Amino acid sequence: MQKIRDWLFNNEDGRMIVTQRPNWQLMSALGLWLLALAIDSQPYNDLLTMFYRLVLLYWASLEIRLGINHFRNTLGTIVFVVVLLSLLEQLL
């Protein structure tokens, strides 16, 4: 169990990293999502929803490639797949 925890949360230097400050991509996605919830007008709501999903895709791709540990890489992969599927569903 210790090896799994170390593999997930330790960075390349062996330091355990569990949390980090949210970056601007994640904060932007949150702001766009809240704005989409607040606006009832259909074309604007759809546009904001698509934008926050695109920003989340960008954030997830950064976590996949540049995440500080395996947990962040895995989280980015999961978010990328889920958001991509929801974006495709919105577009089709």
Protein backbone atom coordinates (compact mmCIF):
# COMPACT_ATOMS: atom_id res chain seq x y z
CA MET A 1 0.00 0.00 0.00
CA GLN A 2 2.90 2.34 0.79
CA LYS A 3 4.40 1.76 -2.66
CA ILE A 4 1.10 2.64 -4.37
CA ARG A 5 0.77 5.83 -2.32
CA ASP A 6 4.36 6.80 -3.07
CA TRP A 7 3.89 6.10 -6.78
CA LEU A 8 0.70 8.18 -6.92
CA PHE A 9 1.65 11.20 -4.84
CA ASN A 10 5.44 11.54 -4.89
CA ASN A 11 7.06 13.80 -7.45
CA GLU A 12 10.32 13.10 -9.27
CA ASP A 13 12.31 14.29 -6.23
CA GLY A 14 10.50 11.85 -3.93
CA ARG A 15 8.52 14.60 -2.17
CA MET A 16 4.87 13.84 -1.46
CA ILE A 17 2.61 16.36 -3.21
CA VAL A 18 -1.08 15.99 -2.39
CA THR A 19 -2.46 19.44 -3.17
CA GLN A 20 -1.39 22.48 -5.10
CA ARG A 21 -2.88 25.86 -5.85
CA PRO A 22 -5.46 25.78 -8.64
CA ASN A 23 -4.10 27.25 -11.84
CA TRP A 24 -5.77 29.84 -14.05
CA GLN A 25 -7.22 27.24 -16.41
CA LEU A 26 -9.11 25.53 -13.61
CA MET A 27 -10.29 28.85 -12.14
CA SER A 28 -11.41 30.02 -15.61
CA ALA A 29 -13.36 26.81 -16.17
CA LEU A 30 -15.05 27.23 -12.78
CA GLY A 31 -15.96 30.85 -13.56
CA LEU A 32 -17.38 29.94 -16.99
CA TRP A 33 -19.34 27.05 -15.47
CA LEU A 34 -20.86 29.33 -12.80
CA LEU A 35 -21.70 31.90 -15.47
CA ALA A 36 -23.35 29.20 -17.59
CA LEU A 37 -25.46 28.19 -14.58
CA ALA A 38 -26.51 31.80 -13.99
CA ILE A 39 -27.48 32.60 -17.60
CA ASP A 40 -30.73 31.10 -18.81
CA SER A 41 -30.59 32.35 -22.39
CA GLN A 42 -30.07 29.25 -24.52
CA PRO A 43 -27.50 30.33 -27.12
CA TYR A 44 -25.30 32.01 -24.49
CA ASN A 45 -25.62 29.12 -22.06
CA ASP A 46 -24.58 26.62 -24.73
CA LEU A 47 -21.63 28.78 -25.75
CA LEU A 48 -20.42 29.21 -22.16
CA THR A 49 -20.82 25.48 -21.53
CA MET A 50 -18.75 24.66 -24.60
CA PHE A 51 -16.05 27.17 -23.57
CA TYR A 52 -15.74 25.85 -20.03
CA ARG A 53 -15.45 22.32 -21.40
CA LEU A 54 -12.72 23.42 -23.82
CA VAL A 55 -10.82 25.11 -20.99
CA LEU A 56 -11.16 21.93 -18.91
CA LEU A 57 -9.81 19.91 -21.84
CA TYR A 58 -6.82 22.25 -22.01
CA TRP A 59 -6.24 21.93 -18.24
CA ALA A 60 -6.55 18.15 -18.41
CA SER A 61 -4.08 17.93 -21.30
CA LEU A 62 -1.58 19.96 -19.26
CA GLU A 63 -2.04 17.63 -16.28
CA ILE A 64 -1.55 14.57 -18.50
CA ARG A 65 1.71 15.92 -19.91
CA LEU A 66 3.07 18.09 -17.10
CA GLY A 67 1.33 16.89 -13.92
CA ILE A 68 3.60 16.89 -10.89
CA ASN A 69 2.88 13.25 -9.99
CA HIS A 70 1.02 10.19 -11.24
CA PHE A 71 -2.16 11.17 -9.40
CA ARG A 72 -2.32 14.44 -11.36
CA ASN A 73 -1.58 12.57 -14.62
CA THR A 74 -4.40 10.10 -13.87
CA LEU A 75 -6.79 12.87 -12.83
CA GLY A 76 -6.04 14.73 -16.06
CA THR A 77 -6.69 11.60 -18.11
CA ILE A 78 -10.04 10.92 -16.42
CA VAL A 79 -11.19 14.54 -16.75
CA PHE A 80 -10.05 14.66 -20.38
CA VAL A 81 -12.05 11.56 -21.35
CA VAL A 82 -15.20 12.60 -19.45
CA VAL A 83 -15.16 16.18 -20.76
CA LEU A 84 -14.36 15.11 -24.31
CA LEU A 85 -17.33 12.72 -24.31
CA SER A 86 -19.64 15.40 -22.93
CA LEU A 87 -18.36 17.93 -25.48
CA LEU A 88 -18.93 15.49 -28.32
CA GLU A 89 -22.43 14.82 -27.01
CA GLN A 90 -23.13 18.56 -26.95
CA LEU A 91 -21.88 19.03 -30.51
CA LEU A 92 -23.77 16.07 -32.00
